[in-house]
Amino acid sequence: MVFGSHVPTVRVDELSDADFLLDVREDEEWHAGHAPAALHIPMSEFVARYGELTEAAPQDGRINVICRSGGRSAQVAMYLGQQGMDAVNVAGGMEAWAVSGRPVVDGAGQPGAVL
């Protein structure tokens, strides 16, 4: 991933249920708790699995990238921006998501927790 000086961000409260969400946390974090409709591609596998994102992401929509607190997702959002995609980092990550009262489910679809 490429580091940059400025990454566009969005706050959790600015997202709607219809917005596309990409979760780049690792498998253990994802299985403990994630946003129900998010697409999961771990940052460690991101380049190899990039095609999954291009197939799933809206063609004319924004990709909202999320991790635990915002560091990894900022790197992925920057990379996607460099590829010409409309991507933003979700400020505060899944920690902010959970604190705001948004749903978090585990790998079995039951109430989850953010690691």
PDB file of N, CA and C in Angstrom:
ATOM      1  N   MET A   1       0.836  -1.172   0.000  1.00  0.00           N
ATOM      2  CA  MET A   1       0.000   0.000   0.000  1.00  0.00           C
ATOM      3  C   MET A   1       0.888   1.247   0.000  1.00  0.00           C
ATOM      4  N   VAL A   2       0.345   2.297  -0.517  1.00  0.00           N
ATOM      5  CA  VAL A   2       1.090   3.543  -0.636  1.00  0.00           C
ATOM      6  C   VAL A   2       0.594   4.519   0.416  1.00  0.00           C
ATOM      7  N   PHE A   3       1.509   5.157   1.092  1.00  0.00           N
ATOM      8  CA  PHE A   3       1.158   6.155   2.089  1.00  0.00           C
ATOM      9  C   PHE A   3       1.057   7.512   1.429  1.00  0.00           C
ATOM     10  N   GLY A   4       0.115   8.313   1.873  1.00  0.00           N
ATOM     11  CA  GLY A   4      -0.064   9.633   1.303  1.00  0.00           C
ATOM     12  C   GLY A   4      -0.320  10.649   2.391  1.00  0.00           C
ATOM     13  N   SER A   5      -0.328  11.905   1.995  1.00  0.00           N
ATOM     14  CA  SER A   5      -0.486  12.961   2.981  1.00  0.00           C
ATOM     15  C   SER A   5      -1.950  13.299   3.240  1.00  0.00           C
ATOM     16  N   HIS A   6      -2.831  13.031   2.281  1.00  0.00           N
ATOM     17  CA  HIS A   6      -4.232  13.374   2.475  1.00  0.00           C
ATOM     18  C   HIS A   6      -5.121  12.265   1.926  1.00  0.00           C
ATOM     19  N   VAL A   7      -6.001  11.780   2.779  1.00  0.00           N
ATOM     20  CA  VAL A   7      -6.963  10.766   2.373  1.00  0.00           C
ATOM     21  C   VAL A   7      -8.345  11.321   2.660  1.00  0.00           C
ATOM     22  N   PRO A   8      -9.229  11.338   1.669  1.00  0.00           N
ATOM     23  CA  PRO A   8     -10.595  11.793   1.942  1.00  0.00           C
ATOM     24  C   PRO A   8     -11.240  10.899   3.010  1.00  0.00           C
ATOM     25  N   THR A   9     -12.001  11.494   3.895  1.00  0.00           N
ATOM     26  CA  THR A   9     -12.643  10.729   4.958  1.00  0.00           C
ATOM     27  C   THR A   9     -14.139  11.025   5.014  1.00  0.00           C
ATOM     28  N   VAL A  10     -14.845  10.122   5.650  1.00  0.00           N
ATOM     29  CA  VAL A  10     -16.264  10.265   5.909  1.00  0.00           C
ATOM     30  C   VAL A  10     -16.503   9.808   7.342  1.00  0.00           C
ATOM     31  N   ARG A  11     -17.414  10.479   8.027  1.00  0.00           N
ATOM     32  CA  ARG A  11     -17.770  10.059   9.380  1.00  0.00           C
ATOM     33  C   ARG A  11     -18.841   8.974   9.312  1.00  0.00           C
ATOM     34  N   VAL A  12     -18.885   8.122  10.309  1.00  0.00           N
ATOM     35  CA  VAL A  12     -19.868   7.044  10.366  1.00  0.00           C
ATOM     36  C   VAL A  12     -21.282   7.606  10.238  1.00  0.00           C
ATOM     37  N   ASP A  13     -21.552   8.729  10.898  1.00  0.00           N
ATOM     38  CA  ASP A  13     -22.911   9.283  10.858  1.00  0.00           C
ATOM     39  C   ASP A  13     -23.292   9.874   9.497  1.00  0.00           C
ATOM     40  N   GLU A  14     -22.341   9.957   8.584  1.00  0.00           N
ATOM     41  CA  GLU A  14     -22.620  10.426   7.229  1.00  0.00           C
ATOM     42  C   GLU A  14     -22.954   9.282   6.270  1.00  0.00           C
ATOM     43  N   LEU A  15     -22.831   8.046   6.737  1.00  0.00           N
ATOM     44  CA  LEU A  15     -23.087   6.876   5.900  1.00  0.00           C
ATOM     45  C   LEU A  15     -24.542   6.437   6.016  1.00  0.00           C
ATOM     46  N   SER A  16     -25.095   5.973   4.907  1.00  0.00           N
ATOM     47  CA  SER A  16     -26.436   5.397   4.928  1.00  0.00           C
ATOM     48  C   SER A  16     -26.317   3.888   4.792  1.00  0.00           C
ATOM     49  N   ASP A  17     -27.398   3.189   5.028  1.00  0.00           N
ATOM     50  CA  ASP A  17     -27.391   1.728   4.900  1.00  0.00           C
ATOM     51  C   ASP A  17     -27.122   1.294   3.464  1.00  0.00           C
ATOM     52  N   ALA A  18     -27.382   2.169   2.502  1.00  0.00           N
ATOM     53  CA  ALA A  18     -27.187   1.833   1.091  1.00  0.00           C
ATOM     54  C   ALA A  18     -25.747   2.042   0.623  1.00  0.00           C
ATOM     55  N   ASP A  19     -24.918   2.712   1.422  1.00  0.00           N
ATOM     56  CA  ASP A  19     -23.536   2.980   1.018  1.00  0.00           C
ATOM     57  C   ASP A  19     -22.704   1.705   1.016  1.00  0.00           C
ATOM     58  N   PHE A  20     -21.814   1.586   0.030  1.00  0.00           N
ATOM     59  CA  PHE A  20     -20.939   0.419  -0.105  1.00  0.00           C
ATOM     60  C   PHE A  20     -19.815   0.520   0.925  1.00  0.00           C
ATOM     61  N   LEU A  21     -19.610  -0.548   1.675  1.00  0.00           N
ATOM     62  CA  LEU A  21     -18.605  -0.571   2.737  1.00  0.00           C
ATOM     63  C   LEU A  21     -17.635  -1.724   2.504  1.00  0.00           C
ATOM     64  N   LEU A  22     -16.340  -1.407   2.488  1.00  0.00           N
ATOM     65  CA  LEU A  22     -15.272  -2.388   2.330  1.00  0.00           C
ATOM     66  C   LEU A  22     -14.499  -2.485   3.641  1.00  0.00           C
ATOM     67  N   ASP A  23     -14.513  -3.657   4.263  1.00  0.00           N
ATOM     68  CA  ASP A  23     -13.816  -3.898   5.524  1.00  0.00           C
ATOM     69  C   ASP A  23     -12.483  -4.580   5.212  1.00  0.00           C
ATOM     70  N   VAL A  24     -11.375  -3.937   5.613  1.00  0.00           N
ATOM     71  CA  VAL A  24     -10.046  -4.463   5.288  1.00  0.00           C
ATOM     72  C   VAL A  24      -9.325  -5.068   6.497  1.00  0.00           C
ATOM     73  N   ARG A  25     -10.072  -5.344   7.561  1.00  0.00           N
ATOM     74  CA  ARG A  25      -9.459  -5.969   8.737  1.00  0.00           C
ATOM     75  C   ARG A  25      -9.163  -7.435   8.461  1.00  0.00           C
ATOM     76  N   GLU A  26      -8.372  -8.040   9.309  1.00  0.00           N
ATOM     77  CA  GLU A  26      -7.992  -9.439   9.145  1.00  0.00           C
ATOM     78  C   GLU A  26      -9.143 -10.361   9.567  1.00  0.00           C
ATOM     79  N   ASP A  27      -9.042 -11.629   9.174  1.00  0.00           N
ATOM     80  CA  ASP A  27     -10.127 -12.590   9.380  1.00  0.00           C
ATOM     81  C   ASP A  27     -10.612 -12.671  10.824  1.00  0.00           C
ATOM     82  N   GLU A  28      -9.690 -12.727  11.778  1.00  0.00           N
ATOM     83  CA  GLU A  28     -10.076 -12.836  13.186  1.00  0.00           C
ATOM     84  C   GLU A  28     -10.934 -11.644  13.608  1.00  0.00           C
ATOM     85  N   GLU A  29     -10.541 -10.456  13.190  1.00  0.00           N
ATOM     86  CA  GLU A  29     -11.310  -9.246  13.519  1.00  0.00           C
ATOM     87  C   GLU A  29     -12.692  -9.294  12.879  1.00  0.00           C
ATOM     88  N   TRP A  30     -12.726  -9.688  11.604  1.00  0.00           N
ATOM     89  CA  TRP A  30     -13.985  -9.765  10.862  1.00  0.00           C
ATOM     90  C   TRP A  30     -14.956 -10.742  11.528  1.00  0.00           C
ATOM     91  N   HIS A  31     -14.469 -11.938  11.870  1.00  0.00           N
ATOM     92  CA  HIS A  31     -15.338 -12.954  12.458  1.00  0.00           C
ATOM     93  C   HIS A  31     -15.859 -12.545  13.832  1.00  0.00           C
ATOM     94  N   ALA A  32     -15.118 -11.734  14.565  1.00  0.00           N
ATOM     95  CA  ALA A  32     -15.569 -11.264  15.886  1.00  0.00           C
ATOM     96  C   ALA A  32     -16.702 -10.256  15.757  1.00  0.00           C
ATOM     97  N   GLY A  33     -16.643  -9.407  14.727  1.00  0.00           N
ATOM     98  CA  GLY A  33     -17.701  -8.418  14.563  1.00  0.00           C
ATOM     99  C   GLY A  33     -17.461  -7.499  13.393  1.00  0.00           C
ATOM    100  N   HIS A  34     -18.492  -7.357  12.551  1.00  0.00           N
ATOM    101  CA  HIS A  34     -18.397  -6.506  11.367  1.00  0.00           C
ATOM    102  C   HIS A  34     -19.762  -5.907  11.033  1.00  0.00           C
ATOM    103  N   ALA A  35     -19.757  -4.923  10.150  1.00  0.00           N
ATOM    104  CA  ALA A  35     -21.005  -4.355   9.652  1.00  0.00           C
ATOM    105  C   ALA A  35     -21.683  -5.413   8.785  1.00  0.00           C
ATOM    106  N   PRO A  36     -22.978  -5.634   8.952  1.00  0.00           N
ATOM    107  CA  PRO A  36     -23.650  -6.733   8.262  1.00  0.00           C
ATOM    108  C   PRO A  36     -23.495  -6.761   6.742  1.00  0.00           C
ATOM    109  N   ALA A  37     -23.530  -5.631   6.074  1.00  0.00           N
ATOM    110  CA  ALA A  37     -23.516  -5.624   4.607  1.00  0.00           C
ATOM    111  C   ALA A  37     -22.134  -5.384   3.995  1.00  0.00           C
ATOM    112  N   ALA A  38     -21.105  -5.322   4.810  1.00  0.00           N
ATOM    113  CA  ALA A  38     -19.765  -4.999   4.304  1.00  0.00           C
ATOM    114  C   ALA A  38     -19.178  -6.133   3.470  1.00  0.00           C
ATOM    115  N   LEU A  39     -18.332  -5.755   2.521  1.00  0.00           N
ATOM    116  CA  LEU A  39     -17.509  -6.707   1.784  1.00  0.00           C
ATOM    117  C   LEU A  39     -16.190  -6.833   2.543  1.00  0.00           C
ATOM    118  N   HIS A  40     -15.736  -8.060   2.756  1.00  0.00           N
ATOM    119  CA  HIS A  40     -14.503  -8.273   3.511  1.00  0.00           C
ATOM    120  C   HIS A  40     -13.375  -8.713   2.593  1.00  0.00           C
ATOM    121  N   ILE A  41     -12.343  -7.893   2.508  1.00  0.00           N
ATOM    122  CA  ILE A  41     -11.092  -8.257   1.845  1.00  0.00           C
ATOM    123  C   ILE A  41      -9.967  -7.767   2.757  1.00  0.00           C
ATOM    124  N   PRO A  42      -9.297  -8.672   3.477  1.00  0.00           N
ATOM    125  CA  PRO A  42      -8.240  -8.245   4.391  1.00  0.00           C
ATOM    126  C   PRO A  42      -7.144  -7.458   3.668  1.00  0.00           C
ATOM    127  N   MET A  43      -6.611  -6.457   4.329  1.00  0.00           N
ATOM    128  CA  MET A  43      -5.553  -5.649   3.733  1.00  0.00           C
ATOM    129  C   MET A  43      -4.376  -6.525   3.311  1.00  0.00           C
ATOM    130  N   SER A  44      -4.073  -7.551   4.084  1.00  0.00           N
ATOM    131  CA  SER A  44      -2.936  -8.423   3.769  1.00  0.00           C
ATOM    132  C   SER A  44      -3.146  -9.215   2.477  1.00  0.00           C
ATOM    133  N   GLU A  45      -4.391  -9.317   2.009  1.00  0.00           N
ATOM    134  CA  GLU A  45      -4.707 -10.047   0.783  1.00  0.00           C
ATOM    135  C   GLU A  45      -5.242  -9.127  -0.310  1.00  0.00           C
ATOM    136  N   PHE A  46      -5.221  -7.840  -0.052  1.00  0.00           N
ATOM    137  CA  PHE A  46      -5.951  -6.898  -0.892  1.00  0.00           C
ATOM    138  C   PHE A  46      -5.506  -6.888  -2.354  1.00  0.00           C
ATOM    139  N   VAL A  47      -4.232  -6.810  -2.611  1.00  0.00           N
ATOM    140  CA  VAL A  47      -3.763  -6.733  -3.995  1.00  0.00           C
ATOM    141  C   VAL A  47      -4.144  -8.004  -4.762  1.00  0.00           C
ATOM    142  N   ALA A  48      -3.979  -9.162  -4.129  1.00  0.00           N
ATOM    143  CA  ALA A  48      -4.307 -10.432  -4.782  1.00  0.00           C
ATOM    144  C   ALA A  48      -5.807 -10.583  -5.029  1.00  0.00           C
ATOM    145  N   ARG A  49      -6.624  -9.961  -4.189  1.00  0.00           N
ATOM    146  CA  ARG A  49      -8.077 -10.113  -4.293  1.00  0.00           C
ATOM    147  C   ARG A  49      -8.768  -8.868  -4.841  1.00  0.00           C
ATOM    148  N   TYR A  50      -8.011  -7.974  -5.422  1.00  0.00           N
ATOM    149  CA  TYR A  50      -8.535  -6.705  -5.939  1.00  0.00           C
ATOM    150  C   TYR A  50      -9.711  -6.919  -6.898  1.00  0.00           C
ATOM    151  N   GLY A  51      -9.677  -7.960  -7.694  1.00  0.00           N
ATOM    152  CA  GLY A  51     -10.747  -8.251  -8.645  1.00  0.00           C
ATOM    153  C   GLY A  51     -12.096  -8.441  -7.978  1.00  0.00           C
ATOM    154  N   GLU A  52     -12.099  -8.983  -6.759  1.00  0.00           N
ATOM    155  CA  GLU A  52     -13.356  -9.153  -6.020  1.00  0.00           C
ATOM    156  C   GLU A  52     -14.001  -7.807  -5.749  1.00  0.00           C
ATOM    157  N   LEU A  53     -13.177  -6.818  -5.443  1.00  0.00           N
ATOM    158  CA  LEU A  53     -13.708  -5.483  -5.190  1.00  0.00           C
ATOM    159  C   LEU A  53     -14.273  -4.880  -6.468  1.00  0.00           C
ATOM    160  N   THR A  54     -13.550  -4.987  -7.561  1.00  0.00           N
ATOM    161  CA  THR A  54     -14.024  -4.369  -8.796  1.00  0.00           C
ATOM    162  C   THR A  54     -15.319  -5.013  -9.282  1.00  0.00           C
ATOM    163  N   GLU A  55     -15.536  -6.289  -8.958  1.00  0.00           N
ATOM    164  CA  GLU A  55     -16.785  -6.950  -9.313  1.00  0.00           C
ATOM    165  C   GLU A  55     -17.938  -6.531  -8.413  1.00  0.00           C
ATOM    166  N   ALA A  56     -17.665  -6.293  -7.129  1.00  0.00           N
ATOM    167  CA  ALA A  56     -18.714  -6.027  -6.151  1.00  0.00           C
ATOM    168  C   ALA A  56     -19.041  -4.543  -5.975  1.00  0.00           C
ATOM    169  N   ALA A  57     -18.069  -3.684  -6.188  1.00  0.00           N
ATOM    170  CA  ALA A  57     -18.253  -2.258  -5.921  1.00  0.00           C
ATOM    171  C   ALA A  57     -19.176  -1.621  -6.952  1.00  0.00           C
ATOM    172  N   PRO A  58     -19.927  -0.617  -6.523  1.00  0.00           N
ATOM    173  CA  PRO A  58     -20.780   0.095  -7.475  1.00  0.00           C
ATOM    174  C   PRO A  58     -19.921   0.826  -8.509  1.00  0.00           C
ATOM    175  N   GLN A  59     -20.314   0.771  -9.760  1.00  0.00           N
ATOM    176  CA  GLN A  59     -19.524   1.380 -10.831  1.00  0.00           C
ATOM    177  C   GLN A  59     -19.414   2.893 -10.689  1.00  0.00           C
ATOM    178  N   ASP A  60     -20.477   3.540 -10.274  1.00  0.00           N
ATOM    179  CA  ASP A  60     -20.472   4.996 -10.167  1.00  0.00           C
ATOM    180  C   ASP A  60     -20.585   5.470  -8.724  1.00  0.00           C
ATOM    181  N   GLY A  61     -20.340   4.585  -7.778  1.00  0.00           N
ATOM    182  CA  GLY A  61     -20.501   4.949  -6.379  1.00  0.00           C
ATOM    183  C   GLY A  61     -19.197   4.995  -5.635  1.00  0.00           C
ATOM    184  N   ARG A  62     -19.280   5.494  -4.443  1.00  0.00           N
ATOM    185  CA  ARG A  62     -18.113   5.640  -3.587  1.00  0.00           C
ATOM    186  C   ARG A  62     -17.873   4.353  -2.807  1.00  0.00           C
ATOM    187  N   ILE A  63     -16.597   4.050  -2.588  1.00  0.00           N
ATOM    188  CA  ILE A  63     -16.191   2.917  -1.757  1.00  0.00           C
ATOM    189  C   ILE A  63     -15.768   3.487  -0.408  1.00  0.00           C
ATOM    190  N   ASN A  64     -16.472   3.101   0.641  1.00  0.00           N
ATOM    191  CA  ASN A  64     -16.175   3.530   1.998  1.00  0.00           C
ATOM    192  C   ASN A  64     -15.355   2.429   2.646  1.00  0.00           C
ATOM    193  N   VAL A  65     -14.102   2.731   2.954  1.00  0.00           N
ATOM    194  CA  VAL A  65     -13.166   1.718   3.447  1.00  0.00           C
ATOM    195  C   VAL A  65     -13.061   1.837   4.961  1.00  0.00           C
ATOM    196  N   ILE A  66     -13.177   0.688   5.644  1.00  0.00           N
ATOM    197  CA  ILE A  66     -13.184   0.690   7.105  1.00  0.00           C
ATOM    198  C   ILE A  66     -12.243  -0.384   7.646  1.00  0.00           C
ATOM    199  N   CYS A  67     -11.620  -0.089   8.795  1.00  0.00           N
ATOM    200  CA  CYS A  67     -10.826  -1.071   9.541  1.00  0.00           C
ATOM    201  C   CYS A  67     -11.198  -0.895  11.008  1.00  0.00           C
ATOM    202  N   ARG A  68     -10.307  -1.192  11.924  1.00  0.00           N
ATOM    203  CA  ARG A  68     -10.644  -1.046  13.349  1.00  0.00           C
ATOM    204  C   ARG A  68     -10.732   0.411  13.759  1.00  0.00           C
ATOM    205  N   SER A  69      -9.677   1.185  13.429  1.00  0.00           N
ATOM    206  CA  SER A  69      -9.652   2.571  13.899  1.00  0.00           C
ATOM    207  C   SER A  69      -9.397   3.599  12.799  1.00  0.00           C
ATOM    208  N   GLY A  70      -9.018   3.164  11.613  1.00  0.00           N
ATOM    209  CA  GLY A  70      -8.843   4.091  10.499  1.00  0.00           C
ATOM    210  C   GLY A  70      -7.478   4.107   9.845  1.00  0.00           C
ATOM    211  N   GLY A  71      -6.486   3.429  10.407  1.00  0.00           N
ATOM    212  CA  GLY A  71      -5.139   3.445   9.836  1.00  0.00           C
ATOM    213  C   GLY A  71      -4.994   2.616   8.570  1.00  0.00           C
ATOM    214  N   ARG A  72      -5.365   1.349   8.652  1.00  0.00           N
ATOM    215  CA  ARG A  72      -5.252   0.474   7.479  1.00  0.00           C
ATOM    216  C   ARG A  72      -6.203   0.917   6.376  1.00  0.00           C
ATOM    217  N   SER A  73      -7.399   1.297   6.761  1.00  0.00           N
ATOM    218  CA  SER A  73      -8.379   1.712   5.751  1.00  0.00           C
ATOM    219  C   SER A  73      -7.934   2.983   5.040  1.00  0.00           C
ATOM    220  N   ALA A  74      -7.221   3.858   5.723  1.00  0.00           N
ATOM    221  CA  ALA A  74      -6.695   5.066   5.065  1.00  0.00           C
ATOM    222  C   ALA A  74      -5.705   4.677   3.973  1.00  0.00           C
ATOM    223  N   GLN A  75      -4.876   3.683   4.247  1.00  0.00           N
ATOM    224  CA  GLN A  75      -3.893   3.233   3.251  1.00  0.00           C
ATOM    225  C   GLN A  75      -4.592   2.629   2.034  1.00  0.00           C
ATOM    226  N   VAL A  76      -5.615   1.812   2.272  1.00  0.00           N
ATOM    227  CA  VAL A  76      -6.342   1.188   1.165  1.00  0.00           C
ATOM    228  C   VAL A  76      -7.123   2.248   0.382  1.00  0.00           C
ATOM    229  N   ALA A  77      -7.740   3.195   1.076  1.00  0.00           N
ATOM    230  CA  ALA A  77      -8.479   4.255   0.386  1.00  0.00           C
ATOM    231  C   ALA A  77      -7.534   5.077  -0.494  1.00  0.00           C
ATOM    232  N   MET A  78      -6.341   5.348  -0.005  1.00  0.00           N
ATOM    233  CA  MET A  78      -5.354   6.081  -0.791  1.00  0.00           C
ATOM    234  C   MET A  78      -4.975   5.275  -2.036  1.00  0.00           C
ATOM    235  N   TYR A  79      -4.729   3.999  -1.877  1.00  0.00           N
ATOM    236  CA  TYR A  79      -4.389   3.122  -2.996  1.00  0.00           C
ATOM    237  C   TYR A  79      -5.518   3.118  -4.030  1.00  0.00           C
ATOM    238  N   LEU A  80      -6.748   2.963  -3.577  1.00  0.00           N
ATOM    239  CA  LEU A  80      -7.884   2.945  -4.500  1.00  0.00           C
ATOM    240  C   LEU A  80      -8.015   4.266  -5.241  1.00  0.00           C
ATOM    241  N   GLY A  81      -7.792   5.362  -4.539  1.00  0.00           N
ATOM    242  CA  GLY A  81      -7.818   6.672  -5.184  1.00  0.00           C
ATOM    243  C   GLY A  81      -6.775   6.776  -6.275  1.00  0.00           C
ATOM    244  N   GLN A  82      -5.611   6.196  -6.033  1.00  0.00           N
ATOM    245  CA  GLN A  82      -4.546   6.200  -7.037  1.00  0.00           C
ATOM    246  C   GLN A  82      -4.905   5.335  -8.245  1.00  0.00           C
ATOM    247  N   GLN A  83      -5.838   4.405  -8.060  1.00  0.00           N
ATOM    248  CA  GLN A  83      -6.307   3.559  -9.164  1.00  0.00           C
ATOM    249  C   GLN A  83      -7.479   4.222  -9.896  1.00  0.00           C
ATOM    250  N   GLY A  84      -7.823   5.447  -9.489  1.00  0.00           N
ATOM    251  CA  GLY A  84      -8.900   6.174 -10.137  1.00  0.00           C
ATOM    252  C   GLY A  84     -10.282   5.893  -9.572  1.00  0.00           C
ATOM    253  N   MET A  85     -10.341   5.236  -8.425  1.00  0.00           N
ATOM    254  CA  MET A  85     -11.635   4.923  -7.813  1.00  0.00           C
ATOM    255  C   MET A  85     -12.008   5.996  -6.800  1.00  0.00           C
ATOM    256  N   ASP A  86     -13.305   6.178  -6.616  1.00  0.00           N
ATOM    257  CA  ASP A  86     -13.820   7.112  -5.616  1.00  0.00           C
ATOM    258  C   ASP A  86     -13.863   6.371  -4.290  1.00  0.00           C
ATOM    259  N   ALA A  87     -12.850   6.554  -3.462  1.00  0.00           N
ATOM    260  CA  ALA A  87     -12.743   5.831  -2.200  1.00  0.00           C
ATOM    261  C   ALA A  87     -12.442   6.805  -1.066  1.00  0.00           C
ATOM    262  N   VAL A  88     -13.060   6.553   0.079  1.00  0.00           N
ATOM    263  CA  VAL A  88     -12.840   7.374   1.267  1.00  0.00           C
ATOM    264  C   VAL A  88     -12.600   6.475   2.473  1.00  0.00           C
ATOM    265  N   ASN A  89     -11.912   7.013   3.446  1.00  0.00           N
ATOM    266  CA  ASN A  89     -11.647   6.324   4.700  1.00  0.00           C
ATOM    267  C   ASN A  89     -12.769   6.641   5.682  1.00  0.00           C
ATOM    268  N   VAL A  90     -13.269   5.628   6.370  1.00  0.00           N
ATOM    269  CA  VAL A  90     -14.280   5.851   7.400  1.00  0.00           C
ATOM    270  C   VAL A  90     -13.551   6.226   8.687  1.00  0.00           C
ATOM    271  N   ALA A  91     -13.688   7.478   9.082  1.00  0.00           N
ATOM    272  CA  ALA A  91     -12.992   8.005  10.263  1.00  0.00           C
ATOM    273  C   ALA A  91     -13.408   7.235  11.517  1.00  0.00           C
ATOM    274  N   GLY A  92     -12.408   6.805  12.278  1.00  0.00           N
ATOM    275  CA  GLY A  92     -12.661   6.101  13.525  1.00  0.00           C
ATOM    276  C   GLY A  92     -12.946   4.624  13.361  1.00  0.00           C
ATOM    277  N   GLY A  93     -13.135   4.171  12.133  1.00  0.00           N
ATOM    278  CA  GLY A  93     -13.296   2.759  11.829  1.00  0.00           C
ATOM    279  C   GLY A  93     -14.451   2.072  12.532  1.00  0.00           C
ATOM    280  N   MET A  94     -14.299   0.770  12.720  1.00  0.00           N
ATOM    281  CA  MET A  94     -15.340  -0.038  13.357  1.00  0.00           C
ATOM    282  C   MET A  94     -15.548   0.362  14.812  1.00  0.00           C
ATOM    283  N   GLU A  95     -14.528   0.924  15.445  1.00  0.00           N
ATOM    284  CA  GLU A  95     -14.717   1.406  16.812  1.00  0.00           C
ATOM    285  C   GLU A  95     -15.774   2.506  16.816  1.00  0.00           C
ATOM    286  N   ALA A  96     -15.662   3.465  15.891  1.00  0.00           N
ATOM    287  CA  ALA A  96     -16.650   4.539  15.796  1.00  0.00           C
ATOM    288  C   ALA A  96     -18.003   3.987  15.348  1.00  0.00           C
ATOM    289  N   TRP A  97     -17.983   3.007  14.453  1.00  0.00           N
ATOM    290  CA  TRP A  97     -19.213   2.370  13.974  1.00  0.00           C
ATOM    291  C   TRP A  97     -20.002   1.805  15.162  1.00  0.00           C
ATOM    292  N   ALA A  98     -19.314   1.019  16.003  1.00  0.00           N
ATOM    293  CA  ALA A  98     -19.982   0.383  17.140  1.00  0.00           C
ATOM    294  C   ALA A  98     -20.451   1.414  18.163  1.00  0.00           C
ATOM    295  N   VAL A  99     -19.616   2.402  18.459  1.00  0.00           N
ATOM    296  CA  VAL A  99     -19.977   3.432  19.433  1.00  0.00           C
ATOM    297  C   VAL A  99     -21.208   4.210  18.980  1.00  0.00           C
ATOM    298  N   SER A 100     -21.353   4.375  17.664  1.00  0.00           N
ATOM    299  CA  SER A 100     -22.494   5.139  17.144  1.00  0.00           C
ATOM    300  C   SER A 100     -23.793   4.336  17.181  1.00  0.00           C
ATOM    301  N   GLY A 101     -23.712   3.064  17.573  1.00  0.00           N
ATOM    302  CA  GLY A 101     -24.909   2.243  17.675  1.00  0.00           C
ATOM    303  C   GLY A 101     -25.266   1.484  16.415  1.00  0.00           C
ATOM    304  N   ARG A 102     -24.384   1.527  15.413  1.00  0.00           N
ATOM    305  CA  ARG A 102     -24.629   0.767  14.183  1.00  0.00           C
ATOM    306  C   ARG A 102     -24.497  -0.723  14.492  1.00  0.00           C
ATOM    307  N   PRO A 103     -25.192  -1.577  13.734  1.00  0.00           N
ATOM    308  CA  PRO A 103     -25.136  -3.016  14.013  1.00  0.00           C
ATOM    309  C   PRO A 103     -23.760  -3.629  13.750  1.00  0.00           C
ATOM    310  N   VAL A 104     -23.386  -4.553  14.619  1.00  0.00           N
ATOM    311  CA  VAL A 104     -22.145  -5.319  14.495  1.00  0.00           C
ATOM    312  C   VAL A 104     -22.525  -6.782  14.698  1.00  0.00           C
ATOM    313  N   VAL A 105     -22.204  -7.621  13.692  1.00  0.00           N
ATOM    314  CA  VAL A 105     -22.518  -9.043  13.782  1.00  0.00           C
ATOM    315  C   VAL A 105     -21.246  -9.869  13.679  1.00  0.00           C
ATOM    316  N   ASP A 106     -21.300 -11.074  14.242  1.00  0.00           N
ATOM    317  CA  ASP A 106     -20.139 -11.959  14.148  1.00  0.00           C
ATOM    318  C   ASP A 106     -20.259 -12.842  12.913  1.00  0.00           C
ATOM    319  N   GLY A 107     -19.345 -13.773  12.761  1.00  0.00           N
ATOM    320  CA  GLY A 107     -19.323 -14.640  11.589  1.00  0.00           C
ATOM    321  C   GLY A 107     -20.566 -15.499  11.429  1.00  0.00           C
ATOM    322  N   ALA A 108     -21.324 -15.695  12.508  1.00  0.00           N
ATOM    323  CA  ALA A 108     -22.546 -16.491  12.458  1.00  0.00           C
ATOM    324  C   ALA A 108     -23.801 -15.620  12.356  1.00  0.00           C
ATOM    325  N   GLY A 109     -23.591 -14.306  12.214  1.00  0.00           N
ATOM    326  CA  GLY A 109     -24.734 -13.403  12.100  1.00  0.00           C
ATOM    327  C   GLY A 109     -25.345 -12.989  13.429  1.00  0.00           C
ATOM    328  N   GLN A 110     -24.701 -13.378  14.526  1.00  0.00           N
ATOM    329  CA  GLN A 110     -25.160 -12.994  15.861  1.00  0.00           C
ATOM    330  C   GLN A 110     -24.496 -11.689  16.284  1.00  0.00           C
ATOM    331  N   PRO A 111     -24.986 -11.048  17.365  1.00  0.00           N
ATOM    332  CA  PRO A 111     -24.330  -9.815  17.821  1.00  0.00           C
ATOM    333  C   PRO A 111     -22.830 -10.046  18.015  1.00  0.00           C
ATOM    334  N   GLY A 112     -22.033  -9.120  17.486  1.00  0.00           N
ATOM    335  CA  GLY A 112     -20.578  -9.266  17.532  1.00  0.00           C
ATOM    336  C   GLY A 112     -19.925  -8.155  18.326  1.00  0.00           C
ATOM    337  N   ALA A 113     -18.614  -8.201  18.348  1.00  0.00           N
ATOM    338  CA  ALA A 113     -17.800  -7.204  19.058  1.00  0.00           C
ATOM    339  C   ALA A 113     -16.631  -6.800  18.171  1.00  0.00           C
ATOM    340  N   VAL A 114     -16.189  -5.563  18.329  1.00  0.00           N
ATOM    341  CA  VAL A 114     -15.066  -5.056  17.550  1.00  0.00           C
ATOM    342  C   VAL A 114     -13.777  -5.372  18.277  1.00  0.00           C
ATOM    343  N   LEU A 115     -12.865  -6.063  17.588  1.00  0.00           N
ATOM    344  CA  LEU A 115     -11.534  -6.350  18.141  1.00  0.00           C
ATOM    345  C   LEU A 115     -10.561  -5.284  17.680  1.00  0.00           C
TER     346      LEU A 115
END
